[in-house]
């Protein structure tokens, strides 16, 4: 089952991202994240705050993407300037990874896209694609339907969809505009970056054990 929620031990065993959490903070709040992963990443999806990590302090706005490098450090929110949402990811990914950040998906008047052809209905311009790495979608806002490994999954706030390397995935249906975080972990095989399509980049080579 590639959809899981926040908490230790809930991700499939093959997942390099072993757990995540979504934290909502208001002005005046402080918050220290207990270190739980060999590696950790923090992405701000909403608001403004000051974050301490690795003996640094960052003034973080939406899109801020921070990583811990020292093994004995942790993330700490020192001050919240505007209502903020932070997504933390913890796990054992390698040093050479794909992309990460925030994504939005909404209904589109035209469902045309440059992805691989599909046999299901679409109402978005999102493309069916695969990667030379595993990818995780953590949903923060909105609801819709994702397709991964040929199966359909209802996604809403707090859900994480894990898709193994080489498996096609897509977001064809949006019920409410969706906002989430994506994280492409350790690059493998040809180590190509970004969305890959069979018609443009050659056949996908999915890992059958990552389902």
C-alpha atoms as a PDB file:
ATOM      1  CA  UNK A   1       0.000   0.000   0.000  1.00  0.00           C
ATOM      2  CA  UNK A   2       1.877   3.105  -1.155  1.00  0.00           C
ATOM      3  CA  UNK A   3      -0.263   5.626   0.819  1.00  0.00           C
ATOM      4  CA  UNK A   4       0.663   6.181   4.458  1.00  0.00           C
ATOM      5  CA  UNK A   5       0.257   8.787   7.176  1.00  0.00           C
ATOM      6  CA  UNK A   6       2.560  10.569   9.612  1.00  0.00           C
ATOM      7  CA  UNK A   7       4.227   8.455  12.288  1.00  0.00           C
ATOM      8  CA  UNK A   8       7.119   6.062  12.749  1.00  0.00           C
ATOM      9  CA  UNK A   9       6.795   2.584  11.263  1.00  0.00           C
ATOM     10  CA  UNK A  10       3.933   3.427   8.865  1.00  0.00           C
ATOM     11  CA  UNK A  11       5.922   3.721   5.625  1.00  0.00           C
ATOM     12  CA  UNK A  12       6.535   0.584   3.525  1.00  0.00           C
ATOM     13  CA  UNK A  13       9.868  -1.042   4.368  1.00  0.00           C
ATOM     14  CA  UNK A  14      11.389  -0.153   0.994  1.00  0.00           C
ATOM     15  CA  UNK A  15      10.851   3.590   1.515  1.00  0.00           C
ATOM     16  CA  UNK A  16      13.953   5.740   1.999  1.00  0.00           C
ATOM     17  CA  UNK A  17      11.707   8.428   3.503  1.00  0.00           C
ATOM     18  CA  UNK A  18      10.778   6.561   6.654  1.00  0.00           C
ATOM     19  CA  UNK A  19       8.444   9.119   8.246  1.00  0.00           C
ATOM     20  CA  UNK A  20       7.199  12.688   7.984  1.00  0.00           C
ATOM     21  CA  UNK A  21       5.178  15.215   9.948  1.00  0.00           C
ATOM     22  CA  UNK A  22       3.152  18.328   9.145  1.00  0.00           C
ATOM     23  CA  UNK A  23       3.360  21.083  11.747  1.00  0.00           C
ATOM     24  CA  UNK A  24       1.054  24.113  11.965  1.00  0.00           C
ATOM     25  CA  UNK A  25       2.351  27.091  13.959  1.00  0.00           C
ATOM     26  CA  UNK A  26       0.919  30.513  14.875  1.00  0.00           C
ATOM     27  CA  UNK A  27       2.721  33.792  15.622  1.00  0.00           C
ATOM     28  CA  UNK A  28       4.460  33.588  18.980  1.00  0.00           C
ATOM     29  CA  UNK A  29       4.913  29.809  18.805  1.00  0.00           C
ATOM     30  CA  UNK A  30       8.264  28.068  19.121  1.00  0.00           C
ATOM     31  CA  UNK A  31       8.858  24.448  18.166  1.00  0.00           C
ATOM     32  CA  UNK A  32      11.827  22.080  18.386  1.00  0.00           C
ATOM     33  CA  UNK A  33      11.809  18.968  16.184  1.00  0.00           C
ATOM     34  CA  UNK A  34      13.298  15.950  17.919  1.00  0.00           C
ATOM     35  CA  UNK A  35      15.843  14.352  15.576  1.00  0.00           C
ATOM     36  CA  UNK A  36      14.505  10.996  14.407  1.00  0.00           C
ATOM     37  CA  UNK A  37      16.109  10.309  11.015  1.00  0.00           C
ATOM     38  CA  UNK A  38      19.618   9.707   9.729  1.00  0.00           C
ATOM     39  CA  UNK A  39      18.765  12.490   7.299  1.00  0.00           C
ATOM     40  CA  UNK A  40      16.101  15.184   7.604  1.00  0.00           C
ATOM     41  CA  UNK A  41      14.596  17.798   5.297  1.00  0.00           C
ATOM     42  CA  UNK A  42      12.191  20.646   6.159  1.00  0.00           C
ATOM     43  CA  UNK A  43      10.021  22.540   3.645  1.00  0.00           C
ATOM     44  CA  UNK A  44       7.867  25.568   4.491  1.00  0.00           C
ATOM     45  CA  UNK A  45       4.596  25.576   2.516  1.00  0.00           C
ATOM     46  CA  UNK A  46       2.895  28.587   4.135  1.00  0.00           C
ATOM     47  CA  UNK A  47       3.735  31.614   6.302  1.00  0.00           C
ATOM     48  CA  UNK A  48       6.999  33.073   7.575  1.00  0.00           C
ATOM     49  CA  UNK A  49       9.247  31.947  10.416  1.00  0.00           C
ATOM     50  CA  UNK A  50      12.850  31.845  11.635  1.00  0.00           C
ATOM     51  CA  UNK A  51      14.405  28.391  11.757  1.00  0.00           C
ATOM     52  CA  UNK A  52      17.596  27.312  13.484  1.00  0.00           C
ATOM     53  CA  UNK A  53      19.570  24.332  12.091  1.00  0.00           C
ATOM     54  CA  UNK A  54      23.212  23.261  11.734  1.00  0.00           C
ATOM     55  CA  UNK A  55      24.379  26.347  13.696  1.00  0.00           C
ATOM     56  CA  UNK A  56      22.555  28.591  11.202  1.00  0.00           C
ATOM     57  CA  UNK A  57      19.379  30.669  11.317  1.00  0.00           C
ATOM     58  CA  UNK A  58      17.179  31.017   8.223  1.00  0.00           C
ATOM     59  CA  UNK A  59      14.387  33.517   7.613  1.00  0.00           C
ATOM     60  CA  UNK A  60      12.009  31.052   5.970  1.00  0.00           C
ATOM     61  CA  UNK A  61       9.108  31.790   3.627  1.00  0.00           C
ATOM     62  CA  UNK A  62       7.004  29.450   1.444  1.00  0.00           C
ATOM     63  CA  UNK A  63       9.353  27.321  -0.620  1.00  0.00           C
ATOM     64  CA  UNK A  64      12.191  27.353   1.934  1.00  0.00           C
ATOM     65  CA  UNK A  65      13.902  23.967   1.638  1.00  0.00           C
ATOM     66  CA  UNK A  66      16.371  23.090   4.386  1.00  0.00           C
ATOM     67  CA  UNK A  67      18.505  20.018   5.088  1.00  0.00           C
ATOM     68  CA  UNK A  68      20.369  18.850   8.174  1.00  0.00           C
ATOM     69  CA  UNK A  69      23.996  17.960   7.495  1.00  0.00           C
ATOM     70  CA  UNK A  70      25.519  17.360  10.938  1.00  0.00           C
ATOM     71  CA  UNK A  71      24.357  14.120  12.632  1.00  0.00           C
ATOM     72  CA  UNK A  72      23.793  15.725  16.035  1.00  0.00           C
ATOM     73  CA  UNK A  73      21.689  18.723  14.903  1.00  0.00           C
ATOM     74  CA  UNK A  74      17.950  19.326  14.682  1.00  0.00           C
ATOM     75  CA  UNK A  75      15.454  21.853  13.347  1.00  0.00           C
ATOM     76  CA  UNK A  76      14.056  24.483  15.735  1.00  0.00           C
ATOM     77  CA  UNK A  77      11.478  27.152  14.912  1.00  0.00           C
ATOM     78  CA  UNK A  78      12.667  30.195  16.859  1.00  0.00           C
ATOM     79  CA  UNK A  79       9.934  32.647  15.885  1.00  0.00           C
ATOM     80  CA  UNK A  80       6.741  32.589  13.799  1.00  0.00           C
ATOM     81  CA  UNK A  81       5.930  35.810  11.951  1.00  0.00           C
ATOM     82  CA  UNK A  82       2.847  34.556  10.060  1.00  0.00           C
ATOM     83  CA  UNK A  83       0.743  31.395  10.451  1.00  0.00           C
ATOM     84  CA  UNK A  84       3.061  28.723   9.105  1.00  0.00           C
ATOM     85  CA  UNK A  85       2.909  25.159   7.819  1.00  0.00           C
ATOM     86  CA  UNK A  86       6.087  23.091   7.828  1.00  0.00           C
ATOM     87  CA  UNK A  87       6.616  19.608   6.390  1.00  0.00           C
ATOM     88  CA  UNK A  88       9.498  17.589   7.795  1.00  0.00           C
ATOM     89  CA  UNK A  89      10.800  14.413   6.135  1.00  0.00           C
ATOM     90  CA  UNK A  90      13.096  11.892   7.823  1.00  0.00           C
ATOM     91  CA  UNK A  91      14.908   8.860   6.443  1.00  0.00           C
ATOM     92  CA  UNK A  92      17.959   7.285   4.899  1.00  0.00           C
ATOM     93  CA  UNK A  93      18.243   8.668   1.351  1.00  0.00           C
ATOM     94  CA  UNK A  94      21.615   9.072  -0.333  1.00  0.00           C
ATOM     95  CA  UNK A  95      23.641  12.165  -1.160  1.00  0.00           C
ATOM     96  CA  UNK A  96      22.628  12.319  -4.840  1.00  0.00           C
ATOM     97  CA  UNK A  97      18.891  13.011  -4.933  1.00  0.00           C
ATOM     98  CA  UNK A  98      16.320  14.422  -7.346  1.00  0.00           C
ATOM     99  CA  UNK A  99      14.169  17.470  -6.741  1.00  0.00           C
ATOM    100  CA  UNK A 100      11.999  18.598  -3.847  1.00  0.00           C
ATOM    101  CA  UNK A 101       9.623  21.460  -3.206  1.00  0.00           C
ATOM    102  CA  UNK A 102       5.985  22.545  -3.281  1.00  0.00           C
ATOM    103  CA  UNK A 103       3.484  21.683  -6.007  1.00  0.00           C
ATOM    104  CA  UNK A 104      -0.072  22.778  -6.812  1.00  0.00           C
ATOM    105  CA  UNK A 105      -2.660  20.931  -8.910  1.00  0.00           C
ATOM    106  CA  UNK A 106      -6.034  22.319  -9.946  1.00  0.00           C
ATOM    107  CA  UNK A 107      -8.695  21.518 -12.501  1.00  0.00           C
ATOM    108  CA  UNK A 108      -7.757  22.584 -16.020  1.00  0.00           C
ATOM    109  CA  UNK A 109     -10.012  23.481 -18.918  1.00  0.00           C
ATOM    110  CA  UNK A 110      -7.827  21.310 -21.114  1.00  0.00           C
ATOM    111  CA  UNK A 111      -6.381  18.008 -19.956  1.00  0.00           C
ATOM    112  CA  UNK A 112      -3.714  18.030 -22.657  1.00  0.00           C
ATOM    113  CA  UNK A 113      -0.192  17.422 -21.363  1.00  0.00           C
ATOM    114  CA  UNK A 114       3.136  16.089 -22.583  1.00  0.00           C
ATOM    115  CA  UNK A 115       3.097  12.930 -20.468  1.00  0.00           C
ATOM    116  CA  UNK A 116       2.651   9.330 -21.468  1.00  0.00           C
ATOM    117  CA  UNK A 117      -0.829   8.349 -22.735  1.00  0.00           C
ATOM    118  CA  UNK A 118      -3.291   6.956 -20.181  1.00  0.00           C
ATOM    119  CA  UNK A 119      -6.530   4.937 -20.304  1.00  0.00           C
ATOM    120  CA  UNK A 120      -8.375   6.810 -17.533  1.00  0.00           C
ATOM    121  CA  UNK A 121     -10.269  10.112 -17.368  1.00  0.00           C
ATOM    122  CA  UNK A 122      -8.325  13.299 -16.643  1.00  0.00           C
ATOM    123  CA  UNK A 123      -9.387  16.804 -15.674  1.00  0.00           C
ATOM    124  CA  UNK A 124      -5.937  18.265 -14.981  1.00  0.00           C
ATOM    125  CA  UNK A 125      -2.898  19.119 -17.072  1.00  0.00           C
ATOM    126  CA  UNK A 126      -0.680  16.986 -14.832  1.00  0.00           C
ATOM    127  CA  UNK A 127       1.458  14.479 -16.773  1.00  0.00           C
ATOM    128  CA  UNK A 128       1.778  10.736 -16.317  1.00  0.00           C
ATOM    129  CA  UNK A 129       5.490  10.194 -15.750  1.00  0.00           C
ATOM    130  CA  UNK A 130       8.166   8.152 -13.974  1.00  0.00           C
ATOM    131  CA  UNK A 131      11.551   8.843 -12.344  1.00  0.00           C
ATOM    132  CA  UNK A 132      15.029   7.376 -11.939  1.00  0.00           C
ATOM    133  CA  UNK A 133      14.346   7.485  -8.186  1.00  0.00           C
ATOM    134  CA  UNK A 134      11.521   6.992  -5.708  1.00  0.00           C
ATOM    135  CA  UNK A 135       9.149   9.923  -5.233  1.00  0.00           C
ATOM    136  CA  UNK A 136       6.926  10.984  -2.323  1.00  0.00           C
ATOM    137  CA  UNK A 137       3.924  13.333  -2.458  1.00  0.00           C
ATOM    138  CA  UNK A 138       2.826  14.680   0.942  1.00  0.00           C
ATOM    139  CA  UNK A 139      -0.537  16.413   0.723  1.00  0.00           C
ATOM    140  CA  UNK A 140      -1.090  19.565   2.777  1.00  0.00           C
ATOM    141  CA  UNK A 141      -4.297  20.994   1.298  1.00  0.00           C
ATOM    142  CA  UNK A 142      -7.098  19.876  -1.028  1.00  0.00           C
ATOM    143  CA  UNK A 143      -8.363  16.527  -2.239  1.00  0.00           C
ATOM    144  CA  UNK A 144      -8.127  14.485  -5.407  1.00  0.00           C
ATOM    145  CA  UNK A 145      -7.279  11.180  -7.033  1.00  0.00           C
ATOM    146  CA  UNK A 146      -3.748   9.977  -7.754  1.00  0.00           C
ATOM    147  CA  UNK A 147      -2.743   7.068  -9.963  1.00  0.00           C
ATOM    148  CA  UNK A 148       0.366   5.082  -9.090  1.00  0.00           C
ATOM    149  CA  UNK A 149       1.366   1.629 -10.369  1.00  0.00           C
ATOM    150  CA  UNK A 150      -1.929   1.528 -12.275  1.00  0.00           C
ATOM    151  CA  UNK A 151      -4.027   1.917  -9.117  1.00  0.00           C
ATOM    152  CA  UNK A 152      -6.216   4.854  -8.087  1.00  0.00           C
ATOM    153  CA  UNK A 153      -5.902   6.438  -4.634  1.00  0.00           C
ATOM    154  CA  UNK A 154      -7.960   9.133  -2.951  1.00  0.00           C
ATOM    155  CA  UNK A 155      -5.594  11.683  -1.399  1.00  0.00           C
ATOM    156  CA  UNK A 156      -6.274  14.387   1.175  1.00  0.00           C
ATOM    157  CA  UNK A 157      -4.393  16.425   3.786  1.00  0.00           C
ATOM    158  CA  UNK A 158      -1.921  14.308   5.746  1.00  0.00           C
ATOM    159  CA  UNK A 159      -1.622  11.545   3.128  1.00  0.00           C
ATOM    160  CA  UNK A 160       1.706  10.564   1.594  1.00  0.00           C
ATOM    161  CA  UNK A 161       1.851   8.682  -1.703  1.00  0.00           C
ATOM    162  CA  UNK A 162       5.083   6.722  -2.200  1.00  0.00           C
ATOM    163  CA  UNK A 163       5.940   5.722  -5.777  1.00  0.00           C
ATOM    164  CA  UNK A 164       8.931   3.492  -6.429  1.00  0.00           C
ATOM    165  CA  UNK A 165      11.522   4.102  -9.116  1.00  0.00           C
ATOM    166  CA  UNK A 166      10.257   3.523 -12.654  1.00  0.00           C
ATOM    167  CA  UNK A 167       6.559   3.322 -11.772  1.00  0.00           C
ATOM    168  CA  UNK A 168       4.244   5.754 -13.565  1.00  0.00           C
ATOM    169  CA  UNK A 169       2.216   8.164 -11.441  1.00  0.00           C
ATOM    170  CA  UNK A 170      -0.245  10.963 -12.118  1.00  0.00           C
ATOM    171  CA  UNK A 171      -2.787  13.316 -10.529  1.00  0.00           C
ATOM    172  CA  UNK A 172      -5.719  13.190 -12.952  1.00  0.00           C
ATOM    173  CA  UNK A 173      -8.619  14.266 -10.714  1.00  0.00           C
ATOM    174  CA  UNK A 174      -8.845  17.280  -8.372  1.00  0.00           C
ATOM    175  CA  UNK A 175     -11.856  17.721  -6.089  1.00  0.00           C
ATOM    176  CA  UNK A 176     -10.348  20.734  -4.268  1.00  0.00           C
ATOM    177  CA  UNK A 177      -7.150  22.509  -5.384  1.00  0.00           C
ATOM    178  CA  UNK A 178      -4.287  20.408  -4.048  1.00  0.00           C
ATOM    179  CA  UNK A 179      -1.110  21.715  -2.415  1.00  0.00           C
ATOM    180  CA  UNK A 180       1.616  19.307  -1.452  1.00  0.00           C
ATOM    181  CA  UNK A 181       5.313  18.656  -1.069  1.00  0.00           C
ATOM    182  CA  UNK A 182       7.246  16.404  -3.445  1.00  0.00           C
ATOM    183  CA  UNK A 183      10.535  14.717  -2.673  1.00  0.00           C
ATOM    184  CA  UNK A 184      12.528  12.628  -5.163  1.00  0.00           C
ATOM    185  CA  UNK A 185      15.049  10.586  -3.187  1.00  0.00           C
ATOM    186  CA  UNK A 186      18.229   8.736  -4.244  1.00  0.00           C
ATOM    187  CA  UNK A 187      18.885   8.761  -7.990  1.00  0.00           C
ATOM    188  CA  UNK A 188      19.483   5.331  -9.512  1.00  0.00           C
ATOM    189  CA  UNK A 189      20.047   3.749 -12.924  1.00  0.00           C
ATOM    190  CA  UNK A 190      20.685   6.471 -15.503  1.00  0.00           C
ATOM    191  CA  UNK A 191      20.153   9.090 -12.772  1.00  0.00           C
ATOM    192  CA  UNK A 192      18.108  11.374 -15.015  1.00  0.00           C
ATOM    193  CA  UNK A 193      16.440  14.337 -13.335  1.00  0.00           C
ATOM    194  CA  UNK A 194      12.834  15.423 -13.604  1.00  0.00           C
ATOM    195  CA  UNK A 195       9.706  13.904 -15.150  1.00  0.00           C
ATOM    196  CA  UNK A 196      10.488  11.076 -17.582  1.00  0.00           C
ATOM    197  CA  UNK A 197       8.187   9.832 -20.356  1.00  0.00           C
ATOM    198  CA  UNK A 198       8.532   6.615 -22.312  1.00  0.00           C
ATOM    199  CA  UNK A 199       7.722   8.335 -25.613  1.00  0.00           C
ATOM    200  CA  UNK A 200      10.592  10.793 -25.063  1.00  0.00           C
ATOM    201  CA  UNK A 201      13.121   9.097 -22.770  1.00  0.00           C
ATOM    202  CA  UNK A 202      12.727   5.362 -23.412  1.00  0.00           C
ATOM    203  CA  UNK A 203      11.084   2.494 -21.527  1.00  0.00           C
ATOM    204  CA  UNK A 204      10.505   2.743 -17.799  1.00  0.00           C
ATOM    205  CA  UNK A 205      12.246   0.132 -15.674  1.00  0.00           C
ATOM    206  CA  UNK A 206      10.037  -0.140 -12.567  1.00  0.00           C
ATOM    207  CA  UNK A 207      11.289  -1.802  -9.407  1.00  0.00           C
ATOM    208  CA  UNK A 208       8.623  -4.514  -8.818  1.00  0.00           C
ATOM    209  CA  UNK A 209       9.452  -4.819  -5.112  1.00  0.00           C
ATOM    210  CA  UNK A 210       8.648  -1.130  -4.512  1.00  0.00           C
ATOM    211  CA  UNK A 211       4.876  -1.323  -4.462  1.00  0.00           C
END
